[in-house]
Amino acid sequence: MERLARWCYRRRRVVLGAWLVALVGFGASALTVGGTLADNFDVPGTESQRTIDLLQERFPAVAGDTASIVFAADAGVDDPSVRGAMEKLFAKVAVLDHVRGVASPYAPGSTAISPDRTIAFASLQFDRTGIAIPKPVVAEMQRLREDANQPGLQVELGGSAIQIVEQSKISGHEEVGLVAAAFVL
């Protein structure tokens, strides 16, 4: 090992060049030879897959992923302007593609409102799992959420479908970090 280290040190420019050629070669081969990416979670024969299949067969209304619309209002969630804005948002989200329904915190018997009545959440039910929900549907939900935000009312989205779309975006800071990491390696 010591002999290899000495040889690499004495010929460091050759070693660096070889690493760069290998990196470019691997990158080019990955782009040209690489197959298609799989973005499904089907794992036949596993208990998890049997559970998903059973849900889709017997309870299709709850077989997809869920998400939440969480909102906080300074004046309280029962304030008429807040309630009107949120019910309008729930109605718009409920008609989006792949949304089976929205369970409003204002429904009778709901326990989705905090004891001090300043925070509440609505549950969304999708007709498929998070990764299979098209990104434009989530982007539209995010746009509707932004439109619902107003002074004294903060609206946020949560759930795996939302996280998948948000995590797929790489910011400028992350790009700089990736370039720095590649340089260090």
C-alpha atoms as a PDB file:
ATOM      1  CA  MET A   1       0.000   0.000   0.000  1.00  0.00           C
ATOM      2  CA  GLU A   2       2.900   2.302   0.808  1.00  0.00           C
ATOM      3  CA  ARG A   3       4.416   1.709  -2.660  1.00  0.00           C
ATOM      4  CA  LEU A   4       1.101   2.613  -4.311  1.00  0.00           C
ATOM      5  CA  ALA A   5       0.831   5.794  -2.246  1.00  0.00           C
ATOM      6  CA  ARG A   6       4.376   6.830  -3.201  1.00  0.00           C
ATOM      7  CA  TRP A   7       3.724   6.109  -6.864  1.00  0.00           C
ATOM      8  CA  CYS A   8       0.486   8.168  -6.762  1.00  0.00           C
ATOM      9  CA  TYR A   9       2.247  11.028  -5.030  1.00  0.00           C
ATOM     10  CA  ARG A  10       5.144  11.094  -7.508  1.00  0.00           C
ATOM     11  CA  ARG A  11       2.727  10.995 -10.458  1.00  0.00           C
ATOM     12  CA  ARG A  12      -0.060  13.072  -8.949  1.00  0.00           C
ATOM     13  CA  ARG A  13      -0.866  14.854 -12.218  1.00  0.00           C
ATOM     14  CA  VAL A  14      -1.274  11.521 -13.995  1.00  0.00           C
ATOM     15  CA  VAL A  15      -3.451  10.231 -11.138  1.00  0.00           C
ATOM     16  CA  LEU A  16      -5.578  13.392 -11.171  1.00  0.00           C
ATOM     17  CA  GLY A  17      -5.960  13.133 -14.948  1.00  0.00           C
ATOM     18  CA  ALA A  18      -6.967   9.473 -14.654  1.00  0.00           C
ATOM     19  CA  TRP A  19      -9.597  10.340 -12.039  1.00  0.00           C
ATOM     20  CA  LEU A  20     -10.996  13.118 -14.240  1.00  0.00           C
ATOM     21  CA  VAL A  21     -11.121  10.837 -17.299  1.00  0.00           C
ATOM     22  CA  ALA A  22     -12.845   8.143 -15.217  1.00  0.00           C
ATOM     23  CA  LEU A  23     -15.368  10.663 -13.851  1.00  0.00           C
ATOM     24  CA  VAL A  24     -16.212  11.994 -17.313  1.00  0.00           C
ATOM     25  CA  GLY A  25     -16.342   8.456 -18.704  1.00  0.00           C
ATOM     26  CA  PHE A  26     -18.701   7.208 -15.990  1.00  0.00           C
ATOM     27  CA  GLY A  27     -20.919  10.277 -16.393  1.00  0.00           C
ATOM     28  CA  ALA A  28     -21.095   9.890 -20.170  1.00  0.00           C
ATOM     29  CA  SER A  29     -21.813   6.171 -19.944  1.00  0.00           C
ATOM     30  CA  ALA A  30     -24.557   6.773 -17.373  1.00  0.00           C
ATOM     31  CA  LEU A  31     -26.236   9.241 -19.718  1.00  0.00           C
ATOM     32  CA  THR A  32     -25.991   7.070 -22.824  1.00  0.00           C
ATOM     33  CA  VAL A  33     -26.291   3.521 -21.510  1.00  0.00           C
ATOM     34  CA  GLY A  34     -28.459   4.146 -18.441  1.00  0.00           C
ATOM     35  CA  GLY A  35     -31.935   2.667 -18.361  1.00  0.00           C
ATOM     36  CA  THR A  36     -35.174   4.158 -17.147  1.00  0.00           C
ATOM     37  CA  LEU A  37     -35.667   5.217 -13.563  1.00  0.00           C
ATOM     38  CA  ALA A  38     -38.230   3.329 -11.494  1.00  0.00           C
ATOM     39  CA  ASP A  39     -40.427   5.476  -9.328  1.00  0.00           C
ATOM     40  CA  ASN A  40     -42.900   2.988  -7.931  1.00  0.00           C
ATOM     41  CA  PHE A  41     -43.022   1.171  -4.659  1.00  0.00           C
ATOM     42  CA  ASP A  42     -44.411  -2.155  -5.853  1.00  0.00           C
ATOM     43  CA  VAL A  43     -42.587  -4.941  -4.064  1.00  0.00           C
ATOM     44  CA  PRO A  44     -44.492  -8.140  -4.870  1.00  0.00           C
ATOM     45  CA  GLY A  45     -44.711 -10.770  -2.155  1.00  0.00           C
ATOM     46  CA  THR A  46     -44.075  -8.469   0.795  1.00  0.00           C
ATOM     47  CA  GLU A  47     -46.507  -7.828   3.621  1.00  0.00           C
ATOM     48  CA  SER A  48     -46.529  -4.125   2.820  1.00  0.00           C
ATOM     49  CA  GLN A  49     -47.491  -4.792  -0.786  1.00  0.00           C
ATOM     50  CA  ARG A  50     -50.261  -7.199   0.279  1.00  0.00           C
ATOM     51  CA  THR A  51     -51.583  -4.492   2.607  1.00  0.00           C
ATOM     52  CA  ILE A  52     -51.600  -1.894  -0.169  1.00  0.00           C
ATOM     53  CA  ASP A  53     -53.295  -4.342  -2.546  1.00  0.00           C
ATOM     54  CA  LEU A  54     -55.920  -5.208   0.073  1.00  0.00           C
ATOM     55  CA  LEU A  55     -56.658  -1.532   0.720  1.00  0.00           C
ATOM     56  CA  GLN A  56     -57.045  -0.874  -3.005  1.00  0.00           C
ATOM     57  CA  GLU A  57     -59.306  -3.887  -3.408  1.00  0.00           C
ATOM     58  CA  ARG A  58     -61.601  -3.483  -0.395  1.00  0.00           C
ATOM     59  CA  PHE A  59     -61.243   0.164   0.657  1.00  0.00           C
ATOM     60  CA  PRO A  60     -60.314   2.149  -2.479  1.00  0.00           C
ATOM     61  CA  ALA A  61     -61.510   5.405  -0.908  1.00  0.00           C
ATOM     62  CA  VAL A  62     -58.599   5.341   1.580  1.00  0.00           C
ATOM     63  CA  ALA A  63     -55.988   3.465  -0.466  1.00  0.00           C
ATOM     64  CA  GLY A  64     -54.051   6.570  -1.493  1.00  0.00           C
ATOM     65  CA  ASP A  65     -51.838   8.940   0.470  1.00  0.00           C
ATOM     66  CA  THR A  66     -53.076  11.684   2.731  1.00  0.00           C
ATOM     67  CA  ALA A  67     -52.026  15.270   3.218  1.00  0.00           C
ATOM     68  CA  SER A  68     -52.977  18.038   5.614  1.00  0.00           C
ATOM     69  CA  ILE A  69     -53.915  21.671   5.298  1.00  0.00           C
ATOM     70  CA  VAL A  70     -52.913  23.251   8.597  1.00  0.00           C
ATOM     71  CA  PHE A  71     -53.934  26.809   9.376  1.00  0.00           C
ATOM     72  CA  ALA A  72     -53.477  29.249  12.225  1.00  0.00           C
ATOM     73  CA  ALA A  73     -55.589  32.357  12.677  1.00  0.00           C
ATOM     74  CA  ASP A  74     -54.879  35.205  15.076  1.00  0.00           C
ATOM     75  CA  ALA A  75     -58.608  35.927  15.377  1.00  0.00           C
ATOM     76  CA  GLY A  76     -59.420  32.236  15.816  1.00  0.00           C
ATOM     77  CA  VAL A  77     -60.461  29.635  13.283  1.00  0.00           C
ATOM     78  CA  ASP A  78     -64.158  30.359  13.965  1.00  0.00           C
ATOM     79  CA  ASP A  79     -63.878  33.964  12.781  1.00  0.00           C
ATOM     80  CA  PRO A  80     -66.318  34.327   9.824  1.00  0.00           C
ATOM     81  CA  SER A  81     -63.662  35.679   7.439  1.00  0.00           C
ATOM     82  CA  VAL A  82     -61.226  32.887   8.341  1.00  0.00           C
ATOM     83  CA  ARG A  83     -63.884  30.191   8.087  1.00  0.00           C
ATOM     84  CA  GLY A  84     -65.075  31.558   4.738  1.00  0.00           C
ATOM     85  CA  ALA A  85     -61.548  31.682   3.316  1.00  0.00           C
ATOM     86  CA  MET A  86     -60.731  28.171   4.506  1.00  0.00           C
ATOM     87  CA  GLU A  87     -63.982  26.605   3.297  1.00  0.00           C
ATOM     88  CA  LYS A  88     -63.363  28.257  -0.085  1.00  0.00           C
ATOM     89  CA  LEU A  89     -59.845  26.740  -0.115  1.00  0.00           C
ATOM     90  CA  PHE A  90     -61.171  23.289   0.870  1.00  0.00           C
ATOM     91  CA  ALA A  91     -63.735  23.429  -1.962  1.00  0.00           C
ATOM     92  CA  LYS A  92     -61.071  24.356  -4.542  1.00  0.00           C
ATOM     93  CA  VAL A  93     -58.689  21.614  -3.365  1.00  0.00           C
ATOM     94  CA  ALA A  94     -61.471  18.994  -3.286  1.00  0.00           C
ATOM     95  CA  VAL A  95     -62.049  19.286  -7.053  1.00  0.00           C
ATOM     96  CA  LEU A  96     -58.386  18.890  -8.033  1.00  0.00           C
ATOM     97  CA  ASP A  97     -57.387  15.752  -9.941  1.00  0.00           C
ATOM     98  CA  HIS A  98     -56.519  12.777  -7.738  1.00  0.00           C
ATOM     99  CA  VAL A  99     -58.083  14.332  -4.611  1.00  0.00           C
ATOM    100  CA  ARG A 100     -60.842  12.039  -3.313  1.00  0.00           C
ATOM    101  CA  GLY A 101     -61.996  14.417  -0.634  1.00  0.00           C
ATOM    102  CA  VAL A 102     -61.239  16.926   2.080  1.00  0.00           C
ATOM    103  CA  ALA A 103     -62.280  16.341   5.699  1.00  0.00           C
ATOM    104  CA  SER A 104     -62.994  19.808   7.068  1.00  0.00           C
ATOM    105  CA  PRO A 105     -62.264  20.653  10.691  1.00  0.00           C
ATOM    106  CA  TYR A 106     -65.610  22.478  10.649  1.00  0.00           C
ATOM    107  CA  ALA A 107     -67.547  19.228  10.124  1.00  0.00           C
ATOM    108  CA  PRO A 108     -69.757  18.191  13.062  1.00  0.00           C
ATOM    109  CA  GLY A 109     -67.860  16.002  15.529  1.00  0.00           C
ATOM    110  CA  SER A 110     -64.437  16.944  14.159  1.00  0.00           C
ATOM    111  CA  THR A 111     -61.562  17.064  16.635  1.00  0.00           C
ATOM    112  CA  ALA A 112     -59.186  18.838  14.264  1.00  0.00           C
ATOM    113  CA  ILE A 113     -59.284  22.199  16.051  1.00  0.00           C
ATOM    114  CA  SER A 114     -56.944  23.092  18.914  1.00  0.00           C
ATOM    115  CA  PRO A 115     -58.480  23.752  22.371  1.00  0.00           C
ATOM    116  CA  ASP A 116     -57.730  27.482  22.110  1.00  0.00           C
ATOM    117  CA  ARG A 117     -59.410  27.470  18.631  1.00  0.00           C
ATOM    118  CA  THR A 118     -56.525  29.272  16.886  1.00  0.00           C
ATOM    119  CA  ILE A 119     -55.110  26.296  14.942  1.00  0.00           C
ATOM    120  CA  ALA A 120     -56.904  23.637  12.889  1.00  0.00           C
ATOM    121  CA  PHE A 121     -56.255  21.197  10.086  1.00  0.00           C
ATOM    122  CA  ALA A 122     -58.124  19.545   7.251  1.00  0.00           C
ATOM    123  CA  SER A 123     -57.223  16.074   5.982  1.00  0.00           C
ATOM    124  CA  LEU A 124     -56.949  15.338   2.264  1.00  0.00           C
ATOM    125  CA  GLN A 125     -57.329  11.902   0.740  1.00  0.00           C
ATOM    126  CA  PHE A 126     -55.639  11.184  -2.595  1.00  0.00           C
ATOM    127  CA  ASP A 127     -56.534   8.338  -4.937  1.00  0.00           C
ATOM    128  CA  ARG A 128     -52.914   7.158  -5.233  1.00  0.00           C
ATOM    129  CA  THR A 129     -49.622   7.109  -3.367  1.00  0.00           C
ATOM    130  CA  GLY A 130     -47.467  10.208  -3.016  1.00  0.00           C
ATOM    131  CA  ILE A 131     -44.922   9.528  -5.729  1.00  0.00           C
ATOM    132  CA  ALA A 132     -47.697   8.745  -8.243  1.00  0.00           C
ATOM    133  CA  ILE A 133     -49.488  12.061  -7.667  1.00  0.00           C
ATOM    134  CA  PRO A 134     -48.570  14.383 -10.546  1.00  0.00           C
ATOM    135  CA  LYS A 135     -46.426  17.342  -9.541  1.00  0.00           C
ATOM    136  CA  PRO A 136     -48.790  19.869 -11.206  1.00  0.00           C
ATOM    137  CA  VAL A 137     -51.554  18.803  -8.781  1.00  0.00           C
ATOM    138  CA  VAL A 138     -49.330  19.525  -5.783  1.00  0.00           C
ATOM    139  CA  ALA A 139     -48.101  22.750  -7.406  1.00  0.00           C
ATOM    140  CA  GLU A 140     -51.719  23.884  -7.793  1.00  0.00           C
ATOM    141  CA  MET A 141     -52.378  23.050  -4.132  1.00  0.00           C
ATOM    142  CA  GLN A 142     -49.366  25.150  -3.182  1.00  0.00           C
ATOM    143  CA  ARG A 143     -50.631  28.035  -5.327  1.00  0.00           C
ATOM    144  CA  LEU A 144     -54.074  27.833  -3.699  1.00  0.00           C
ATOM    145  CA  ARG A 145     -52.416  27.787  -0.272  1.00  0.00           C
ATOM    146  CA  GLU A 146     -50.447  30.935  -1.097  1.00  0.00           C
ATOM    147  CA  ASP A 147     -53.646  32.655  -2.269  1.00  0.00           C
ATOM    148  CA  ALA A 148     -55.371  31.749   1.029  1.00  0.00           C
ATOM    149  CA  ASN A 149     -52.602  33.260   3.185  1.00  0.00           C
ATOM    150  CA  GLN A 150     -53.480  36.714   4.429  1.00  0.00           C
ATOM    151  CA  PRO A 151     -52.569  38.933   7.379  1.00  0.00           C
ATOM    152  CA  GLY A 152     -53.599  37.076  10.520  1.00  0.00           C
ATOM    153  CA  LEU A 153     -54.051  33.732   8.690  1.00  0.00           C
ATOM    154  CA  GLN A 154     -51.204  31.336   7.954  1.00  0.00           C
ATOM    155  CA  VAL A 155     -51.897  28.248   5.834  1.00  0.00           C
ATOM    156  CA  GLU A 156     -49.415  25.385   5.344  1.00  0.00           C
ATOM    157  CA  LEU A 157     -49.476  22.014   3.567  1.00  0.00           C
ATOM    158  CA  GLY A 158     -48.056  18.753   4.890  1.00  0.00           C
ATOM    159  CA  GLY A 159     -47.855  15.097   3.925  1.00  0.00           C
ATOM    160  CA  SER A 160     -45.659  12.804   1.861  1.00  0.00           C
ATOM    161  CA  ALA A 161     -46.967  13.966  -1.532  1.00  0.00           C
ATOM    162  CA  ILE A 162     -46.133  17.560  -0.640  1.00  0.00           C
ATOM    163  CA  GLN A 163     -42.699  16.594   0.711  1.00  0.00           C
ATOM    164  CA  ILE A 164     -41.818  14.629  -2.424  1.00  0.00           C
ATOM    165  CA  VAL A 165     -42.434  17.651  -4.646  1.00  0.00           C
ATOM    166  CA  GLU A 166     -40.685  20.070  -2.289  1.00  0.00           C
ATOM    167  CA  GLN A 167     -37.644  17.803  -1.897  1.00  0.00           C
ATOM    168  CA  SER A 168     -37.284  17.350  -5.654  1.00  0.00           C
ATOM    169  CA  LYS A 169     -36.373  21.036  -6.009  1.00  0.00           C
ATOM    170  CA  ILE A 170     -32.677  21.808  -5.604  1.00  0.00           C
ATOM    171  CA  SER A 171     -31.870  25.314  -4.454  1.00  0.00           C
ATOM    172  CA  GLY A 172     -28.848  27.353  -5.486  1.00  0.00           C
ATOM    173  CA  HIS A 173     -27.228  26.738  -2.095  1.00  0.00           C
ATOM    174  CA  GLU A 174     -27.533  22.976  -2.554  1.00  0.00           C
ATOM    175  CA  GLU A 175     -25.994  23.210  -6.034  1.00  0.00           C
ATOM    176  CA  VAL A 176     -23.000  25.105  -4.627  1.00  0.00           C
ATOM    177  CA  GLY A 177     -22.672  22.451  -1.897  1.00  0.00           C
ATOM    178  CA  LEU A 178     -22.765  19.629  -4.445  1.00  0.00           C
ATOM    179  CA  VAL A 179     -20.094  21.300  -6.589  1.00  0.00           C
ATOM    180  CA  ALA A 180     -17.912  21.856  -3.498  1.00  0.00           C
ATOM    181  CA  ALA A 181     -18.363  18.228  -2.429  1.00  0.00           C
ATOM    182  CA  ALA A 182     -17.441  17.008  -5.909  1.00  0.00           C
ATOM    183  CA  PHE A 183     -14.336  19.218  -5.860  1.00  0.00           C
ATOM    184  CA  VAL A 184     -13.264  17.912  -2.459  1.00  0.00           C
ATOM    185  CA  LEU A 185     -13.755  14.318  -3.527  1.00  0.00           C
END
